[in-house]
């Protein structure tokens, strides 16, 4: 098993593959059905996540993408079947919105124990044509297991959460996690971010499975994040350039 990744089991057929050795602490999720498996995001791409996945399942694997940011699509190069939301199809197939050197700087901005064969000068942002386009309320059938696409823009135009009603799991990507929620750079939208948080409040959720940092976060964090956005809006501060606002368990950067 690749020592760069940490694999933890959520339940008998759900796994989280994490990159705890990097400051982003990115999480990817493997969901196994009876007919196929879904991998939500592929992480940084500094090590071969496919080798880890092959050690966990023999089912055919489709990668579905919460959003087309470098830290969530790095391992897409190891898979043939990839899905992204329609709003970010061209980010994947035509032009990534952030320059390669900026991405490299982000990868290296905090020291960590990279795999011995990783060379940042050779790092490339994945580019390819998705085989599947996601839309709001699409249902993905894994065989005896279903996943619903929820379009939740704000952090990026095509950001999606994925909801598993039977288990009440919300795979929340970069919409909900314990850390700094980013809505400050040009391709983000603080108002849309707030609207997306309100959108998922109506779901029955027993567990949040976030894109970064702590895996065990209370479901109540959703309401706390919505309240924070609401208050910022009332105060006239929900506009890009206003800085970082700190709350219990999270921050909002606008």
C-alpha atoms as a PDB file:
ATOM      1  CA  UNK A   1       0.000   0.000   0.000  1.00  0.00           C
ATOM      2  CA  UNK A   2       1.254   3.470  -0.916  1.00  0.00           C
ATOM      3  CA  UNK A   3       2.369   5.213   2.289  1.00  0.00           C
ATOM      4  CA  UNK A   4       1.397   8.632   0.885  1.00  0.00           C
ATOM      5  CA  UNK A   5      -2.283   7.737   1.268  1.00  0.00           C
ATOM      6  CA  UNK A   6      -4.200   6.806   4.400  1.00  0.00           C
ATOM      7  CA  UNK A   7      -7.180   4.492   3.869  1.00  0.00           C
ATOM      8  CA  UNK A   8     -10.017   4.381   6.387  1.00  0.00           C
ATOM      9  CA  UNK A   9     -13.278   2.470   6.197  1.00  0.00           C
ATOM     10  CA  UNK A  10     -16.527   4.406   6.648  1.00  0.00           C
ATOM     11  CA  UNK A  11     -18.733   1.314   6.406  1.00  0.00           C
ATOM     12  CA  UNK A  12     -18.475  -2.115   4.771  1.00  0.00           C
ATOM     13  CA  UNK A  13     -18.394  -0.730   1.220  1.00  0.00           C
ATOM     14  CA  UNK A  14     -17.334   2.906   1.638  1.00  0.00           C
ATOM     15  CA  UNK A  15     -13.721   4.027   2.006  1.00  0.00           C
ATOM     16  CA  UNK A  16     -11.945   7.346   2.406  1.00  0.00           C
ATOM     17  CA  UNK A  17      -8.496   7.777   0.862  1.00  0.00           C
ATOM     18  CA  UNK A  18      -6.735  10.744   2.461  1.00  0.00           C
ATOM     19  CA  UNK A  19      -3.556  12.736   1.864  1.00  0.00           C
ATOM     20  CA  UNK A  20      -2.794  13.699   5.453  1.00  0.00           C
ATOM     21  CA  UNK A  21       0.880  14.351   4.697  1.00  0.00           C
ATOM     22  CA  UNK A  22      -0.032  17.467   2.711  1.00  0.00           C
ATOM     23  CA  UNK A  23      -1.359  20.688   4.245  1.00  0.00           C
ATOM     24  CA  UNK A  24      -4.566  20.418   2.181  1.00  0.00           C
ATOM     25  CA  UNK A  25      -5.448  17.069   3.844  1.00  0.00           C
ATOM     26  CA  UNK A  26      -7.571  16.173   0.839  1.00  0.00           C
ATOM     27  CA  UNK A  27     -10.092  13.321   1.026  1.00  0.00           C
ATOM     28  CA  UNK A  28     -11.324  11.084  -1.792  1.00  0.00           C
ATOM     29  CA  UNK A  29     -14.164   8.601  -1.333  1.00  0.00           C
ATOM     30  CA  UNK A  30     -14.622   5.143  -2.838  1.00  0.00           C
ATOM     31  CA  UNK A  31     -18.208   3.895  -2.909  1.00  0.00           C
ATOM     32  CA  UNK A  32     -18.737   0.275  -3.940  1.00  0.00           C
ATOM     33  CA  UNK A  33     -22.069  -0.964  -5.268  1.00  0.00           C
ATOM     34  CA  UNK A  34     -22.964  -4.351  -6.694  1.00  0.00           C
ATOM     35  CA  UNK A  35     -22.314  -3.341 -10.334  1.00  0.00           C
ATOM     36  CA  UNK A  36     -19.667  -0.632 -10.170  1.00  0.00           C
ATOM     37  CA  UNK A  37     -17.731   1.692  -7.914  1.00  0.00           C
ATOM     38  CA  UNK A  38     -17.633   5.457  -7.750  1.00  0.00           C
ATOM     39  CA  UNK A  39     -14.531   7.404  -6.733  1.00  0.00           C
ATOM     40  CA  UNK A  40     -15.336  10.938  -5.614  1.00  0.00           C
ATOM     41  CA  UNK A  41     -12.290  13.069  -6.529  1.00  0.00           C
ATOM     42  CA  UNK A  42      -8.703  11.861  -6.974  1.00  0.00           C
ATOM     43  CA  UNK A  43      -6.618  14.237  -4.843  1.00  0.00           C
ATOM     44  CA  UNK A  44      -3.354  15.994  -5.600  1.00  0.00           C
ATOM     45  CA  UNK A  45      -1.880  13.587  -8.129  1.00  0.00           C
ATOM     46  CA  UNK A  46       1.527  13.383  -6.463  1.00  0.00           C
ATOM     47  CA  UNK A  47       1.181   9.621  -6.044  1.00  0.00           C
ATOM     48  CA  UNK A  48      -0.771   6.896  -7.853  1.00  0.00           C
ATOM     49  CA  UNK A  49      -4.211   6.655  -6.250  1.00  0.00           C
ATOM     50  CA  UNK A  50      -5.231   3.996  -8.797  1.00  0.00           C
ATOM     51  CA  UNK A  51      -2.968   1.468  -7.098  1.00  0.00           C
ATOM     52  CA  UNK A  52      -4.804   2.085  -3.832  1.00  0.00           C
ATOM     53  CA  UNK A  53      -8.230   1.773  -5.462  1.00  0.00           C
ATOM     54  CA  UNK A  54      -7.263  -1.484  -7.196  1.00  0.00           C
ATOM     55  CA  UNK A  55      -6.361  -2.879  -3.795  1.00  0.00           C
ATOM     56  CA  UNK A  56      -9.842  -2.088  -2.476  1.00  0.00           C
ATOM     57  CA  UNK A  57     -12.161  -3.169  -5.304  1.00  0.00           C
ATOM     58  CA  UNK A  58     -12.227  -5.121  -8.557  1.00  0.00           C
ATOM     59  CA  UNK A  59     -15.379  -3.339  -9.749  1.00  0.00           C
ATOM     60  CA  UNK A  60     -15.207  -0.961 -12.732  1.00  0.00           C
ATOM     61  CA  UNK A  61     -14.538   2.530 -11.369  1.00  0.00           C
ATOM     62  CA  UNK A  62     -16.008   5.847 -12.497  1.00  0.00           C
ATOM     63  CA  UNK A  63     -14.496   9.059 -11.133  1.00  0.00           C
ATOM     64  CA  UNK A  64     -16.993  11.788 -10.303  1.00  0.00           C
ATOM     65  CA  UNK A  65     -15.668  15.247  -9.534  1.00  0.00           C
ATOM     66  CA  UNK A  66     -16.883  17.620  -6.818  1.00  0.00           C
ATOM     67  CA  UNK A  67     -15.164  20.421  -8.739  1.00  0.00           C
ATOM     68  CA  UNK A  68     -12.319  20.958 -11.170  1.00  0.00           C
ATOM     69  CA  UNK A  69      -9.657  22.335  -8.821  1.00  0.00           C
ATOM     70  CA  UNK A  70      -6.090  21.011  -8.928  1.00  0.00           C
ATOM     71  CA  UNK A  71      -6.262  19.315  -5.524  1.00  0.00           C
ATOM     72  CA  UNK A  72      -9.313  17.267  -6.532  1.00  0.00           C
ATOM     73  CA  UNK A  73      -8.394  16.180 -10.079  1.00  0.00           C
ATOM     74  CA  UNK A  74      -4.694  15.314  -9.733  1.00  0.00           C
ATOM     75  CA  UNK A  75      -5.245  11.574 -10.006  1.00  0.00           C
ATOM     76  CA  UNK A  76      -7.802  11.715 -12.820  1.00  0.00           C
ATOM     77  CA  UNK A  77      -4.964  10.746 -15.173  1.00  0.00           C
ATOM     78  CA  UNK A  78      -5.091   7.193 -13.813  1.00  0.00           C
ATOM     79  CA  UNK A  79      -8.739   6.582 -14.816  1.00  0.00           C
ATOM     80  CA  UNK A  80     -10.608   6.260 -18.101  1.00  0.00           C
ATOM     81  CA  UNK A  81     -14.141   7.104 -16.968  1.00  0.00           C
ATOM     82  CA  UNK A  82     -14.471  10.641 -15.569  1.00  0.00           C
ATOM     83  CA  UNK A  83     -17.512  12.812 -14.839  1.00  0.00           C
ATOM     84  CA  UNK A  84     -17.684  16.570 -14.168  1.00  0.00           C
ATOM     85  CA  UNK A  85     -20.483  19.119 -13.922  1.00  0.00           C
ATOM     86  CA  UNK A  86     -21.369  20.798 -17.208  1.00  0.00           C
ATOM     87  CA  UNK A  87     -20.263  24.222 -15.916  1.00  0.00           C
ATOM     88  CA  UNK A  88     -16.642  23.051 -15.552  1.00  0.00           C
ATOM     89  CA  UNK A  89     -16.309  20.740 -18.540  1.00  0.00           C
ATOM     90  CA  UNK A  90     -14.009  23.197 -20.332  1.00  0.00           C
ATOM     91  CA  UNK A  91     -11.849  23.692 -17.239  1.00  0.00           C
ATOM     92  CA  UNK A  92     -10.981  20.018 -17.598  1.00  0.00           C
ATOM     93  CA  UNK A  93     -10.793  19.713 -21.368  1.00  0.00           C
ATOM     94  CA  UNK A  94      -9.684  23.172 -22.566  1.00  0.00           C
ATOM     95  CA  UNK A  95      -8.017  25.363 -19.941  1.00  0.00           C
ATOM     96  CA  UNK A  96      -7.600  25.132 -16.180  1.00  0.00           C
ATOM     97  CA  UNK A  97      -8.401  28.545 -14.614  1.00  0.00           C
ATOM     98  CA  UNK A  98      -5.213  28.817 -12.529  1.00  0.00           C
ATOM     99  CA  UNK A  99      -1.667  29.030 -13.989  1.00  0.00           C
ATOM    100  CA  UNK A 100       0.498  25.942 -13.527  1.00  0.00           C
ATOM    101  CA  UNK A 101       3.159  27.827 -11.565  1.00  0.00           C
ATOM    102  CA  UNK A 102       0.552  29.082  -9.077  1.00  0.00           C
ATOM    103  CA  UNK A 103      -0.594  25.498  -8.570  1.00  0.00           C
ATOM    104  CA  UNK A 104       2.996  24.337  -8.028  1.00  0.00           C
ATOM    105  CA  UNK A 105       3.508  27.117  -5.485  1.00  0.00           C
ATOM    106  CA  UNK A 106       0.357  26.023  -3.659  1.00  0.00           C
ATOM    107  CA  UNK A 107       1.487  22.413  -3.575  1.00  0.00           C
ATOM    108  CA  UNK A 108       4.857  23.346  -2.095  1.00  0.00           C
ATOM    109  CA  UNK A 109       3.884  26.311   0.106  1.00  0.00           C
ATOM    110  CA  UNK A 110       4.111  24.224   3.278  1.00  0.00           C
ATOM    111  CA  UNK A 111       6.804  21.572   3.769  1.00  0.00           C
ATOM    112  CA  UNK A 112       5.693  17.953   3.792  1.00  0.00           C
ATOM    113  CA  UNK A 113       7.062  14.475   3.247  1.00  0.00           C
ATOM    114  CA  UNK A 114       6.350  13.935  -0.465  1.00  0.00           C
ATOM    115  CA  UNK A 115       6.841  10.522  -2.094  1.00  0.00           C
ATOM    116  CA  UNK A 116      10.468  10.002  -3.108  1.00  0.00           C
ATOM    117  CA  UNK A 117       9.589   9.831  -6.820  1.00  0.00           C
ATOM    118  CA  UNK A 118       7.578  13.071  -6.832  1.00  0.00           C
ATOM    119  CA  UNK A 119       9.228  15.973  -8.651  1.00  0.00           C
ATOM    120  CA  UNK A 120       7.289  19.230  -8.557  1.00  0.00           C
ATOM    121  CA  UNK A 121       9.021  20.511 -11.707  1.00  0.00           C
ATOM    122  CA  UNK A 122       7.394  17.643 -13.627  1.00  0.00           C
ATOM    123  CA  UNK A 123       3.938  18.193 -12.137  1.00  0.00           C
ATOM    124  CA  UNK A 124       1.181  18.815 -14.674  1.00  0.00           C
ATOM    125  CA  UNK A 125      -2.462  19.721 -14.186  1.00  0.00           C
ATOM    126  CA  UNK A 126      -4.709  16.985 -15.555  1.00  0.00           C
ATOM    127  CA  UNK A 127      -6.353  17.781 -18.851  1.00  0.00           C
ATOM    128  CA  UNK A 128      -8.796  15.516 -20.636  1.00  0.00           C
ATOM    129  CA  UNK A 129     -12.278  15.091 -22.051  1.00  0.00           C
ATOM    130  CA  UNK A 130     -14.846  13.843 -19.516  1.00  0.00           C
ATOM    131  CA  UNK A 131     -16.849  10.782 -20.516  1.00  0.00           C
ATOM    132  CA  UNK A 132     -19.882  11.867 -18.490  1.00  0.00           C
ATOM    133  CA  UNK A 133     -21.446  15.273 -17.782  1.00  0.00           C
ATOM    134  CA  UNK A 134     -23.199  15.847 -14.458  1.00  0.00           C
ATOM    135  CA  UNK A 135     -26.337  17.921 -13.920  1.00  0.00           C
ATOM    136  CA  UNK A 136     -28.276  18.918 -10.837  1.00  0.00           C
ATOM    137  CA  UNK A 137     -30.445  16.050  -9.512  1.00  0.00           C
ATOM    138  CA  UNK A 138     -28.826  13.395 -11.700  1.00  0.00           C
ATOM    139  CA  UNK A 139     -29.001   9.961 -10.083  1.00  0.00           C
ATOM    140  CA  UNK A 140     -25.989   7.669 -10.333  1.00  0.00           C
ATOM    141  CA  UNK A 141     -26.794   3.974  -9.860  1.00  0.00           C
ATOM    142  CA  UNK A 142     -23.969   1.783  -8.551  1.00  0.00           C
ATOM    143  CA  UNK A 143     -26.144  -1.317  -8.242  1.00  0.00           C
ATOM    144  CA  UNK A 144     -28.109  -1.535  -4.985  1.00  0.00           C
ATOM    145  CA  UNK A 145     -26.769   1.915  -4.150  1.00  0.00           C
ATOM    146  CA  UNK A 146     -27.678   5.351  -5.510  1.00  0.00           C
ATOM    147  CA  UNK A 147     -26.041   8.754  -5.410  1.00  0.00           C
ATOM    148  CA  UNK A 148     -27.731  12.060  -6.271  1.00  0.00           C
ATOM    149  CA  UNK A 149     -25.862  15.015  -7.757  1.00  0.00           C
ATOM    150  CA  UNK A 150     -26.538  18.349  -6.054  1.00  0.00           C
ATOM    151  CA  UNK A 151     -25.182  21.355  -7.929  1.00  0.00           C
ATOM    152  CA  UNK A 152     -23.779  23.676  -5.249  1.00  0.00           C
ATOM    153  CA  UNK A 153     -21.921  26.551  -6.959  1.00  0.00           C
ATOM    154  CA  UNK A 154     -20.067  29.267  -5.095  1.00  0.00           C
ATOM    155  CA  UNK A 155     -16.659  27.789  -4.365  1.00  0.00           C
ATOM    156  CA  UNK A 156     -16.566  27.145  -8.110  1.00  0.00           C
ATOM    157  CA  UNK A 157     -19.228  27.388 -10.852  1.00  0.00           C
ATOM    158  CA  UNK A 158     -19.687  23.633 -11.236  1.00  0.00           C
ATOM    159  CA  UNK A 159     -19.141  22.531  -7.653  1.00  0.00           C
ATOM    160  CA  UNK A 160     -21.282  19.534  -6.698  1.00  0.00           C
ATOM    161  CA  UNK A 161     -22.097  17.733  -3.502  1.00  0.00           C
ATOM    162  CA  UNK A 162     -23.226  14.124  -3.686  1.00  0.00           C
ATOM    163  CA  UNK A 163     -26.051  12.814  -1.504  1.00  0.00           C
ATOM    164  CA  UNK A 164     -26.749   9.218  -0.580  1.00  0.00           C
ATOM    165  CA  UNK A 165     -30.295   9.217   0.792  1.00  0.00           C
ATOM    166  CA  UNK A 166     -30.345   5.606   2.036  1.00  0.00           C
ATOM    167  CA  UNK A 167     -27.361   6.187   4.331  1.00  0.00           C
ATOM    168  CA  UNK A 168     -27.981   9.926   4.738  1.00  0.00           C
ATOM    169  CA  UNK A 169     -24.384  10.652   3.719  1.00  0.00           C
ATOM    170  CA  UNK A 170     -23.454  14.018   2.246  1.00  0.00           C
ATOM    171  CA  UNK A 171     -20.172  14.101   0.331  1.00  0.00           C
ATOM    172  CA  UNK A 172     -19.698  17.836   0.671  1.00  0.00           C
ATOM    173  CA  UNK A 173     -16.518  18.614  -1.289  1.00  0.00           C
ATOM    174  CA  UNK A 174     -15.362  22.160  -0.564  1.00  0.00           C
ATOM    175  CA  UNK A 175     -18.803  23.480   0.389  1.00  0.00           C
ATOM    176  CA  UNK A 176     -18.751  22.190   3.967  1.00  0.00           C
ATOM    177  CA  UNK A 177     -15.705  21.286   6.053  1.00  0.00           C
ATOM    178  CA  UNK A 178     -13.871  22.291   9.180  1.00  0.00           C
ATOM    179  CA  UNK A 179     -11.336  24.806   7.924  1.00  0.00           C
ATOM    180  CA  UNK A 180     -11.222  27.914   5.758  1.00  0.00           C
ATOM    181  CA  UNK A 181     -14.084  28.039   3.241  1.00  0.00           C
ATOM    182  CA  UNK A 182     -12.845  29.888   0.182  1.00  0.00           C
ATOM    183  CA  UNK A 183     -14.972  32.339  -1.800  1.00  0.00           C
ATOM    184  CA  UNK A 184     -12.375  35.044  -2.433  1.00  0.00           C
ATOM    185  CA  UNK A 185     -10.839  34.417  -5.856  1.00  0.00           C
ATOM    186  CA  UNK A 186     -12.320  35.445  -9.222  1.00  0.00           C
ATOM    187  CA  UNK A 187     -14.060  32.167 -10.105  1.00  0.00           C
ATOM    188  CA  UNK A 188     -15.867  32.028  -6.743  1.00  0.00           C
ATOM    189  CA  UNK A 189     -19.130  33.693  -5.754  1.00  0.00           C
ATOM    190  CA  UNK A 190     -19.929  34.354  -2.056  1.00  0.00           C
ATOM    191  CA  UNK A 191     -23.649  34.870  -2.709  1.00  0.00           C
ATOM    192  CA  UNK A 192     -23.890  31.586  -4.621  1.00  0.00           C
ATOM    193  CA  UNK A 193     -21.889  29.851  -1.884  1.00  0.00           C
ATOM    194  CA  UNK A 194     -24.444  30.993   0.702  1.00  0.00           C
ATOM    195  CA  UNK A 195     -27.332  29.907  -1.542  1.00  0.00           C
ATOM    196  CA  UNK A 196     -25.758  26.448  -1.919  1.00  0.00           C
ATOM    197  CA  UNK A 197     -25.412  26.041   1.848  1.00  0.00           C
ATOM    198  CA  UNK A 198     -29.103  26.855   2.186  1.00  0.00           C
ATOM    199  CA  UNK A 199     -29.873  24.323  -0.544  1.00  0.00           C
ATOM    200  CA  UNK A 200     -28.401  21.379   1.370  1.00  0.00           C
ATOM    201  CA  UNK A 201     -30.066  22.385   4.666  1.00  0.00           C
ATOM    202  CA  UNK A 202     -33.251  20.650   3.501  1.00  0.00           C
ATOM    203  CA  UNK A 203     -31.531  17.248   3.255  1.00  0.00           C
ATOM    204  CA  UNK A 204     -31.704  14.590   5.943  1.00  0.00           C
ATOM    205  CA  UNK A 205     -28.037  14.121   6.794  1.00  0.00           C
ATOM    206  CA  UNK A 206     -26.529  11.773   9.354  1.00  0.00           C
ATOM    207  CA  UNK A 207     -22.903  12.227   8.302  1.00  0.00           C
ATOM    208  CA  UNK A 208     -20.889  14.807   6.409  1.00  0.00           C
ATOM    209  CA  UNK A 209     -17.956  13.444   4.411  1.00  0.00           C
ATOM    210  CA  UNK A 210     -15.901  16.557   3.564  1.00  0.00           C
ATOM    211  CA  UNK A 211     -13.239  17.288   0.966  1.00  0.00           C
ATOM    212  CA  UNK A 212     -10.583  18.368   3.485  1.00  0.00           C
ATOM    213  CA  UNK A 213      -9.305  18.142   7.047  1.00  0.00           C
ATOM    214  CA  UNK A 214     -11.281  16.599   9.917  1.00  0.00           C
ATOM    215  CA  UNK A 215     -13.476  13.634   8.991  1.00  0.00           C
ATOM    216  CA  UNK A 216     -15.574  13.810  12.136  1.00  0.00           C
ATOM    217  CA  UNK A 217     -17.516  17.041  11.930  1.00  0.00           C
ATOM    218  CA  UNK A 218     -20.998  17.601  13.384  1.00  0.00           C
ATOM    219  CA  UNK A 219     -23.941  17.953  11.019  1.00  0.00           C
ATOM    220  CA  UNK A 220     -24.803  21.137  12.932  1.00  0.00           C
ATOM    221  CA  UNK A 221     -21.859  22.860  11.216  1.00  0.00           C
ATOM    222  CA  UNK A 222     -24.112  23.336   8.157  1.00  0.00           C
ATOM    223  CA  UNK A 223     -26.503  25.574  10.083  1.00  0.00           C
ATOM    224  CA  UNK A 224     -23.595  27.424  11.676  1.00  0.00           C
ATOM    225  CA  UNK A 225     -22.039  28.130   8.282  1.00  0.00           C
ATOM    226  CA  UNK A 226     -25.391  29.328   6.905  1.00  0.00           C
ATOM    227  CA  UNK A 227     -25.853  31.632   9.898  1.00  0.00           C
ATOM    228  CA  UNK A 228     -22.368  33.061   9.377  1.00  0.00           C
ATOM    229  CA  UNK A 229     -23.096  33.827   5.716  1.00  0.00           C
ATOM    230  CA  UNK A 230     -26.467  35.299   6.689  1.00  0.00           C
ATOM    231  CA  UNK A 231     -24.866  37.628   9.227  1.00  0.00           C
ATOM    232  CA  UNK A 232     -22.140  38.696   6.813  1.00  0.00           C
ATOM    233  CA  UNK A 233     -24.816  39.535   4.265  1.00  0.00           C
ATOM    234  CA  UNK A 234     -26.819  41.560   6.796  1.00  0.00           C
ATOM    235  CA  UNK A 235     -23.666  43.466   7.704  1.00  0.00           C
ATOM    236  CA  UNK A 236     -22.936  44.240   4.047  1.00  0.00           C
ATOM    237  CA  UNK A 237     -19.708  42.223   4.181  1.00  0.00           C
ATOM    238  CA  UNK A 238     -20.544  39.359   1.819  1.00  0.00           C
ATOM    239  CA  UNK A 239     -18.400  40.793  -0.961  1.00  0.00           C
ATOM    240  CA  UNK A 240     -15.046  39.639  -2.239  1.00  0.00           C
ATOM    241  CA  UNK A 241     -12.066  41.445  -0.729  1.00  0.00           C
ATOM    242  CA  UNK A 242     -13.436  41.761   2.783  1.00  0.00           C
ATOM    243  CA  UNK A 243     -10.987  39.210   4.211  1.00  0.00           C
ATOM    244  CA  UNK A 244     -11.192  36.231   6.542  1.00  0.00           C
ATOM    245  CA  UNK A 245     -13.897  35.853   9.172  1.00  0.00           C
ATOM    246  CA  UNK A 246     -13.379  33.289  11.966  1.00  0.00           C
ATOM    247  CA  UNK A 247     -16.040  31.210  13.705  1.00  0.00           C
ATOM    248  CA  UNK A 248     -16.063  28.141  15.924  1.00  0.00           C
ATOM    249  CA  UNK A 249     -14.800  25.276  13.761  1.00  0.00           C
ATOM    250  CA  UNK A 250     -14.428  27.136  10.459  1.00  0.00           C
ATOM    251  CA  UNK A 251     -13.502  30.352   8.664  1.00  0.00           C
ATOM    252  CA  UNK A 252     -14.947  32.131   5.647  1.00  0.00           C
ATOM    253  CA  UNK A 253     -12.531  33.862   3.252  1.00  0.00           C
ATOM    254  CA  UNK A 254     -14.233  36.376   0.933  1.00  0.00           C
END
